[in-house]
Structure formats: C-alpha cells, structure tokens
PDB file of N, CA and C in Angstrom:
ATOM      1  N   UNK A   1     -21.887  -7.068  22.802  1.00  0.00           N
ATOM      2  CA  UNK A   1     -20.520  -7.405  22.604  1.00  0.00           C
ATOM      3  C   UNK A   1     -19.396  -6.669  21.897  1.00  0.00           C
ATOM      4  N   UNK A   2     -18.389  -6.708  22.445  1.00  0.00           N
ATOM      5  CA  UNK A   2     -17.372  -5.311  22.354  1.00  0.00           C
ATOM      6  C   UNK A   2     -16.653  -6.119  21.716  1.00  0.00           C
ATOM      7  N   UNK A   3     -15.916  -6.151  20.753  1.00  0.00           N
ATOM      8  CA  UNK A   3     -14.629  -6.838  20.032  1.00  0.00           C
ATOM      9  C   UNK A   3     -13.361  -5.921  20.252  1.00  0.00           C
ATOM     10  N   UNK A   4     -12.585  -6.126  20.273  1.00  0.00           N
ATOM     11  CA  UNK A   4     -11.165  -5.379  20.377  1.00  0.00           C
ATOM     12  C   UNK A   4     -10.208  -6.165  19.550  1.00  0.00           C
ATOM     13  N   UNK A   5      -9.479  -5.259  18.284  1.00  0.00           N
ATOM     14  CA  UNK A   5      -8.865  -5.819  17.233  1.00  0.00           C
ATOM     15  C   UNK A   5      -7.312  -5.089  17.662  1.00  0.00           C
ATOM     16  N   UNK A   6      -6.153  -5.686  18.120  1.00  0.00           N
ATOM     17  CA  UNK A   6      -5.198  -4.998  18.618  1.00  0.00           C
ATOM     18  C   UNK A   6      -4.116  -4.149  17.538  1.00  0.00           C
ATOM     19  N   UNK A   7      -4.446  -2.763  18.095  1.00  0.00           N
ATOM     20  CA  UNK A   7      -3.423  -2.117  17.156  1.00  0.00           C
ATOM     21  C   UNK A   7      -3.803  -0.540  17.260  1.00  0.00           C
ATOM     22  N   UNK A   8      -3.398   0.386  16.664  1.00  0.00           N
ATOM     23  CA  UNK A   8      -3.199   1.708  16.674  1.00  0.00           C
ATOM     24  C   UNK A   8      -3.718   1.922  15.500  1.00  0.00           C
ATOM     25  N   UNK A   9      -4.845   1.754  15.069  1.00  0.00           N
ATOM     26  CA  UNK A   9      -5.176   2.175  13.573  1.00  0.00           C
ATOM     27  C   UNK A   9      -5.812   3.532  13.261  1.00  0.00           C
ATOM     28  N   UNK A  10      -5.279   4.595  13.814  1.00  0.00           N
ATOM     29  CA  UNK A  10      -4.699   5.709  13.782  1.00  0.00           C
ATOM     30  C   UNK A  10      -3.420   5.677  12.818  1.00  0.00           C
ATOM     31  N   UNK A  11      -3.066   5.058  13.602  1.00  0.00           N
ATOM     32  CA  UNK A  11      -1.569   5.363  12.824  1.00  0.00           C
ATOM     33  C   UNK A  11      -0.997   4.539  11.772  1.00  0.00           C
ATOM     34  N   UNK A  12      -1.356   2.770  11.967  1.00  0.00           N
ATOM     35  CA  UNK A  12      -1.361   1.855  10.947  1.00  0.00           C
ATOM     36  C   UNK A  12      -2.316   1.225  10.416  1.00  0.00           C
ATOM     37  N   UNK A  13      -2.854   0.163  10.008  1.00  0.00           N
ATOM     38  CA  UNK A  13      -3.234  -0.173   8.770  1.00  0.00           C
ATOM     39  C   UNK A  13      -3.445  -1.740   9.809  1.00  0.00           C
ATOM     40  N   UNK A  14      -4.484  -2.117   9.735  1.00  0.00           N
ATOM     41  CA  UNK A  14      -4.616  -3.373   9.986  1.00  0.00           C
ATOM     42  C   UNK A  14      -4.403  -4.547   8.908  1.00  0.00           C
ATOM     43  N   UNK A  15      -3.843  -5.515   9.729  1.00  0.00           N
ATOM     44  CA  UNK A  15      -3.577  -7.024   8.558  1.00  0.00           C
ATOM     45  C   UNK A  15      -4.837  -7.291   7.825  1.00  0.00           C
ATOM     46  N   UNK A  16      -4.184  -7.739   6.561  1.00  0.00           N
ATOM     47  CA  UNK A  16      -5.313  -8.412   6.324  1.00  0.00           C
ATOM     48  C   UNK A  16      -5.820  -9.962   6.598  1.00  0.00           C
ATOM     49  N   UNK A  17      -4.984 -10.279   8.038  1.00  0.00           N
ATOM     50  CA  UNK A  17      -5.118 -11.589   8.685  1.00  0.00           C
ATOM     51  C   UNK A  17      -6.556 -10.885   9.431  1.00  0.00           C
ATOM     52  N   UNK A  18      -6.199  -9.732  10.336  1.00  0.00           N
ATOM     53  CA  UNK A  18      -6.980  -9.485  11.309  1.00  0.00           C
ATOM     54  C   UNK A  18      -8.312  -8.744  10.490  1.00  0.00           C
ATOM     55  N   UNK A  19      -8.404  -8.031   9.674  1.00  0.00           N
ATOM     56  CA  UNK A  19      -9.566  -7.907   8.800  1.00  0.00           C
ATOM     57  C   UNK A  19     -10.319  -9.111   8.433  1.00  0.00           C
ATOM     58  N   UNK A  20     -10.015 -10.272   7.964  1.00  0.00           N
ATOM     59  CA  UNK A  20     -10.583 -11.287   7.805  1.00  0.00           C
ATOM     60  C   UNK A  20     -11.227 -12.538   8.784  1.00  0.00           C
ATOM     61  N   UNK A  21     -10.150 -11.917   9.683  1.00  0.00           N
ATOM     62  CA  UNK A  21     -10.895 -12.648  11.047  1.00  0.00           C
ATOM     63  C   UNK A  21     -11.795 -12.063  12.083  1.00  0.00           C
ATOM     64  N   UNK A  22     -11.811 -10.549  11.599  1.00  0.00           N
ATOM     65  CA  UNK A  22     -12.895 -10.047  12.369  1.00  0.00           C
ATOM     66  C   UNK A  22     -14.157 -10.208  11.378  1.00  0.00           C
ATOM     67  N   UNK A  23     -14.584 -10.247  10.580  1.00  0.00           N
ATOM     68  CA  UNK A  23     -15.161 -10.431   9.445  1.00  0.00           C
ATOM     69  C   UNK A  23     -16.245 -11.998   9.883  1.00  0.00           C
ATOM     70  N   UNK A  24     -14.462 -12.840   9.695  1.00  0.00           N
ATOM     71  CA  UNK A  24     -15.412 -14.195  10.161  1.00  0.00           C
ATOM     72  C   UNK A  24     -15.948 -14.151  11.576  1.00  0.00           C
ATOM     73  N   UNK A  25     -15.558 -13.382  12.346  1.00  0.00           N
ATOM     74  CA  UNK A  25     -15.678 -13.760  14.183  1.00  0.00           C
ATOM     75  C   UNK A  25     -17.098 -13.129  13.659  1.00  0.00           C
ATOM     76  N   UNK A  26     -16.975 -12.061  13.299  1.00  0.00           N
ATOM     77  CA  UNK A  26     -18.875 -11.127  13.237  1.00  0.00           C
ATOM     78  C   UNK A  26     -19.905 -12.349  12.651  1.00  0.00           C
ATOM     79  N   UNK A  27     -19.697 -13.134  11.549  1.00  0.00           N
ATOM     80  CA  UNK A  27     -20.694 -13.643  11.153  1.00  0.00           C
ATOM     81  C   UNK A  27     -20.618 -15.109  12.005  1.00  0.00           C
ATOM     82  N   UNK A  28     -19.283 -15.322  12.949  1.00  0.00           N
ATOM     83  CA  UNK A  28     -20.335 -16.012  13.843  1.00  0.00           C
ATOM     84  C   UNK A  28     -21.065 -15.364  15.146  1.00  0.00           C
ATOM     85  N   UNK A  29     -20.786 -14.844  15.312  1.00  0.00           N
ATOM     86  CA  UNK A  29     -21.380 -13.878  16.623  1.00  0.00           C
ATOM     87  C   UNK A  29     -22.788 -13.855  16.064  1.00  0.00           C
ATOM     88  N   UNK A  30     -23.358 -13.171  14.809  1.00  0.00           N
ATOM     89  CA  UNK A  30     -24.287 -13.628  14.525  1.00  0.00           C
ATOM     90  C   UNK A  30     -25.081 -14.728  14.084  1.00  0.00           C
ATOM     91  N   UNK A  31     -24.471 -15.508  13.834  1.00  0.00           N
ATOM     92  CA  UNK A  31     -25.206 -16.565  13.981  1.00  0.00           C
ATOM     93  C   UNK A  31     -25.845 -17.058  15.094  1.00  0.00           C
ATOM     94  N   UNK A  32     -24.428 -16.926  16.260  1.00  0.00           N
ATOM     95  CA  UNK A  32     -25.005 -17.801  16.796  1.00  0.00           C
ATOM     96  C   UNK A  32     -25.856 -17.184  18.073  1.00  0.00           C
ATOM     97  N   UNK A  33     -25.429 -15.369  18.206  1.00  0.00           N
ATOM     98  CA  UNK A  33     -26.782 -14.424  18.622  1.00  0.00           C
ATOM     99  C   UNK A  33     -27.508 -13.676  18.118  1.00  0.00           C
ATOM    100  N   UNK A  34     -28.071 -14.204  16.872  1.00  0.00           N
ATOM    101  CA  UNK A  34     -29.309 -13.956  15.760  1.00  0.00           C
ATOM    102  C   UNK A  34     -28.800 -11.738  15.794  1.00  0.00           C
ATOM    103  N   UNK A  35     -27.843 -11.460  15.180  1.00  0.00           N
ATOM    104  CA  UNK A  35     -27.525 -10.422  15.396  1.00  0.00           C
ATOM    105  C   UNK A  35     -27.763 -10.091  13.871  1.00  0.00           C
ATOM    106  N   UNK A  36     -28.319  -8.653  14.221  1.00  0.00           N
ATOM    107  CA  UNK A  36     -28.772  -8.072  12.433  1.00  0.00           C
ATOM    108  C   UNK A  36     -27.750  -7.612  12.050  1.00  0.00           C
ATOM    109  N   UNK A  37     -27.269  -7.498  10.594  1.00  0.00           N
ATOM    110  CA  UNK A  37     -26.204  -6.451  10.726  1.00  0.00           C
ATOM    111  C   UNK A  37     -26.402  -4.864  10.645  1.00  0.00           C
ATOM    112  N   UNK A  38     -27.468  -4.620  10.870  1.00  0.00           N
ATOM    113  CA  UNK A  38     -27.875  -3.155  11.212  1.00  0.00           C
ATOM    114  C   UNK A  38     -27.414  -2.767  12.619  1.00  0.00           C
ATOM    115  N   UNK A  39     -27.359  -4.054  13.031  1.00  0.00           N
ATOM    116  CA  UNK A  39     -26.593  -4.204  14.772  1.00  0.00           C
ATOM    117  C   UNK A  39     -25.487  -4.020  15.072  1.00  0.00           C
ATOM    118  N   UNK A  40     -24.793  -4.031  13.994  1.00  0.00           N
ATOM    119  CA  UNK A  40     -23.137  -4.035  14.425  1.00  0.00           C
ATOM    120  C   UNK A  40     -22.551  -2.367  14.453  1.00  0.00           C
ATOM    121  N   UNK A  41     -22.326  -2.448  15.498  1.00  0.00           N
ATOM    122  CA  UNK A  41     -21.563  -0.915  15.248  1.00  0.00           C
ATOM    123  C   UNK A  41     -19.873  -1.183  15.924  1.00  0.00           C
ATOM    124  N   UNK A  42     -19.281   0.109  15.605  1.00  0.00           N
ATOM    125  CA  UNK A  42     -17.950   0.378  16.059  1.00  0.00           C
ATOM    126  C   UNK A  42     -18.039   1.389  17.032  1.00  0.00           C
ATOM    127  N   UNK A  43     -17.333   1.291  18.081  1.00  0.00           N
ATOM    128  CA  UNK A  43     -17.032   2.070  19.356  1.00  0.00           C
ATOM    129  C   UNK A  43     -17.438   4.155  19.041  1.00  0.00           C
ATOM    130  N   UNK A  44     -17.022   4.095  17.686  1.00  0.00           N
ATOM    131  CA  UNK A  44     -16.653   5.441  17.165  1.00  0.00           C
ATOM    132  C   UNK A  44     -18.457   5.652  16.834  1.00  0.00           C
ATOM    133  N   UNK A  45     -18.886   4.814  16.282  1.00  0.00           N
ATOM    134  CA  UNK A  45     -20.218   5.054  15.737  1.00  0.00           C
ATOM    135  C   UNK A  45     -20.886   5.205  17.082  1.00  0.00           C
ATOM    136  N   UNK A  46     -20.741   5.120  18.438  1.00  0.00           N
ATOM    137  CA  UNK A  46     -21.577   5.236  19.887  1.00  0.00           C
ATOM    138  C   UNK A  46     -21.735   6.161  20.463  1.00  0.00           C
ATOM    139  N   UNK A  47     -20.428   6.097  20.780  1.00  0.00           N
ATOM    140  CA  UNK A  47     -19.735   7.272  20.761  1.00  0.00           C
ATOM    141  C   UNK A  47     -18.634   8.151  20.762  1.00  0.00           C
ATOM    142  N   UNK A  48     -18.563   9.336  20.980  1.00  0.00           N
ATOM    143  CA  UNK A  48     -17.290  10.282  20.601  1.00  0.00           C
ATOM    144  C   UNK A  48     -16.023  10.010  21.037  1.00  0.00           C
ATOM    145  N   UNK A  49     -15.385   9.093  19.856  1.00  0.00           N
ATOM    146  CA  UNK A  49     -13.748   8.930  19.944  1.00  0.00           C
ATOM    147  C   UNK A  49     -13.488   8.264  19.049  1.00  0.00           C
ATOM    148  N   UNK A  50     -11.969   7.809  19.248  1.00  0.00           N
ATOM    149  CA  UNK A  50     -11.415   7.755  17.993  1.00  0.00           C
ATOM    150  C   UNK A  50     -11.116   6.194  17.621  1.00  0.00           C
ATOM    151  N   UNK A  51     -11.690   5.283  18.209  1.00  0.00           N
ATOM    152  CA  UNK A  51     -12.094   3.762  18.667  1.00  0.00           C
ATOM    153  C   UNK A  51     -12.977   3.812  17.048  1.00  0.00           C
ATOM    154  N   UNK A  52     -12.536   2.401  16.451  1.00  0.00           N
ATOM    155  CA  UNK A  52     -11.317   1.957  15.936  1.00  0.00           C
ATOM    156  C   UNK A  52     -10.119   2.434  15.364  1.00  0.00           C
ATOM    157  N   UNK A  53     -10.276   3.578  15.355  1.00  0.00           N
ATOM    158  CA  UNK A  53      -9.420   4.028  14.103  1.00  0.00           C
ATOM    159  C   UNK A  53      -9.569   4.539  12.624  1.00  0.00           C
ATOM    160  N   UNK A  54      -9.058   5.424  12.221  1.00  0.00           N
ATOM    161  CA  UNK A  54      -9.483   5.627  10.857  1.00  0.00           C
ATOM    162  C   UNK A  54      -9.139   4.554  10.018  1.00  0.00           C
ATOM    163  N   UNK A  55      -8.434   3.826  10.090  1.00  0.00           N
ATOM    164  CA  UNK A  55      -8.047   2.910   8.850  1.00  0.00           C
ATOM    165  C   UNK A  55      -8.303   1.647   9.682  1.00  0.00           C
ATOM    166  N   UNK A  56      -9.243   1.242  10.888  1.00  0.00           N
ATOM    167  CA  UNK A  56     -10.378   0.052  10.735  1.00  0.00           C
ATOM    168  C   UNK A  56     -11.315   0.484  10.242  1.00  0.00           C
ATOM    169  N   UNK A  57     -12.161   1.401  10.947  1.00  0.00           N
ATOM    170  CA  UNK A  57     -13.128   2.218  10.305  1.00  0.00           C
ATOM    171  C   UNK A  57     -13.749   1.831   9.206  1.00  0.00           C
ATOM    172  N   UNK A  58     -12.536   2.475   8.111  1.00  0.00           N
ATOM    173  CA  UNK A  58     -12.981   1.935   6.538  1.00  0.00           C
ATOM    174  C   UNK A  58     -12.914   0.770   6.178  1.00  0.00           C
ATOM    175  N   UNK A  59     -12.504  -0.048   7.148  1.00  0.00           N
ATOM    176  CA  UNK A  59     -12.639  -1.775   6.645  1.00  0.00           C
ATOM    177  C   UNK A  59     -14.652  -2.296   6.605  1.00  0.00           C
ATOM    178  N   UNK A  60     -15.437  -1.280   7.799  1.00  0.00           N
ATOM    179  CA  UNK A  60     -16.150  -1.665   8.332  1.00  0.00           C
ATOM    180  C   UNK A  60     -17.389  -1.738   7.250  1.00  0.00           C
ATOM    181  N   UNK A  61     -17.632  -0.612   6.443  1.00  0.00           N
ATOM    182  CA  UNK A  61     -18.766  -1.014   5.692  1.00  0.00           C
ATOM    183  C   UNK A  61     -18.396  -1.852   4.703  1.00  0.00           C
ATOM    184  N   UNK A  62     -17.380  -2.105   4.178  1.00  0.00           N
ATOM    185  CA  UNK A  62     -17.374  -3.359   3.262  1.00  0.00           C
ATOM    186  C   UNK A  62     -17.488  -4.680   3.694  1.00  0.00           C
ATOM    187  N   UNK A  63     -16.933  -5.092   5.081  1.00  0.00           N
ATOM    188  CA  UNK A  63     -17.714  -5.994   6.272  1.00  0.00           C
ATOM    189  C   UNK A  63     -18.899  -5.952   6.231  1.00  0.00           C
ATOM    190  N   UNK A  64     -19.361  -5.214   7.070  1.00  0.00           N
ATOM    191  CA  UNK A  64     -20.945  -4.823   6.986  1.00  0.00           C
ATOM    192  C   UNK A  64     -22.024  -5.648   6.074  1.00  0.00           C
ATOM    193  N   UNK A  65     -21.133  -5.017   4.160  1.00  0.00           N
ATOM    194  CA  UNK A  65     -22.143  -5.538   3.333  1.00  0.00           C
ATOM    195  C   UNK A  65     -21.957  -6.413   2.922  1.00  0.00           C
ATOM    196  N   UNK A  66     -21.109  -7.609   3.547  1.00  0.00           N
ATOM    197  CA  UNK A  66     -21.299  -9.171   3.912  1.00  0.00           C
ATOM    198  C   UNK A  66     -21.746  -9.967   4.919  1.00  0.00           C
ATOM    199  N   UNK A  67     -22.238  -9.026   5.765  1.00  0.00           N
ATOM    200  CA  UNK A  67     -22.981  -9.248   6.799  1.00  0.00           C
ATOM    201  C   UNK A  67     -24.281 -10.229   6.547  1.00  0.00           C
ATOM    202  N   UNK A  68     -24.494 -11.098   6.901  1.00  0.00           N
ATOM    203  CA  UNK A  68     -26.488 -11.685   7.140  1.00  0.00           C
ATOM    204  C   UNK A  68     -27.480 -10.119   7.517  1.00  0.00           C
TER     205      UNK A  68
END
C-alpha cells in the first residue's frame, strides 16, 4: 500500500493536520489489513530517493511508535 502526502517536504514542513491524518489513516489500514508496525516504511527506507522528504521523514519514528 502506498500513501502520498502532498507537498515538498525537503523544502516545507507538513502541517499538523497532515501528520495527524497520516497517523490516523495508517492505524485504519493496520486494522483493516493486519499490517504490523514493523511493516510500515517510507519510500526512502525502501529505495534510494528523497521521498517523503526530511521534514516528513522526521515524523515517522514518532508515528510508528504509536502504531499497533
């Protein structure tokens, strides 16, 4: 499952609403598809690129820690 958050997070920061919505959506997907926390990755973690950008990537550790 791929999720896109609109923005250039190398140059800008995600809004609080984007971060909250991303976490909520990830929790819904986890429940619906039985996805384990250890199976949630960003594009950058799977292949060499800048996606999702340093500003959004920095939120992922906190978001993952709150996943089931």
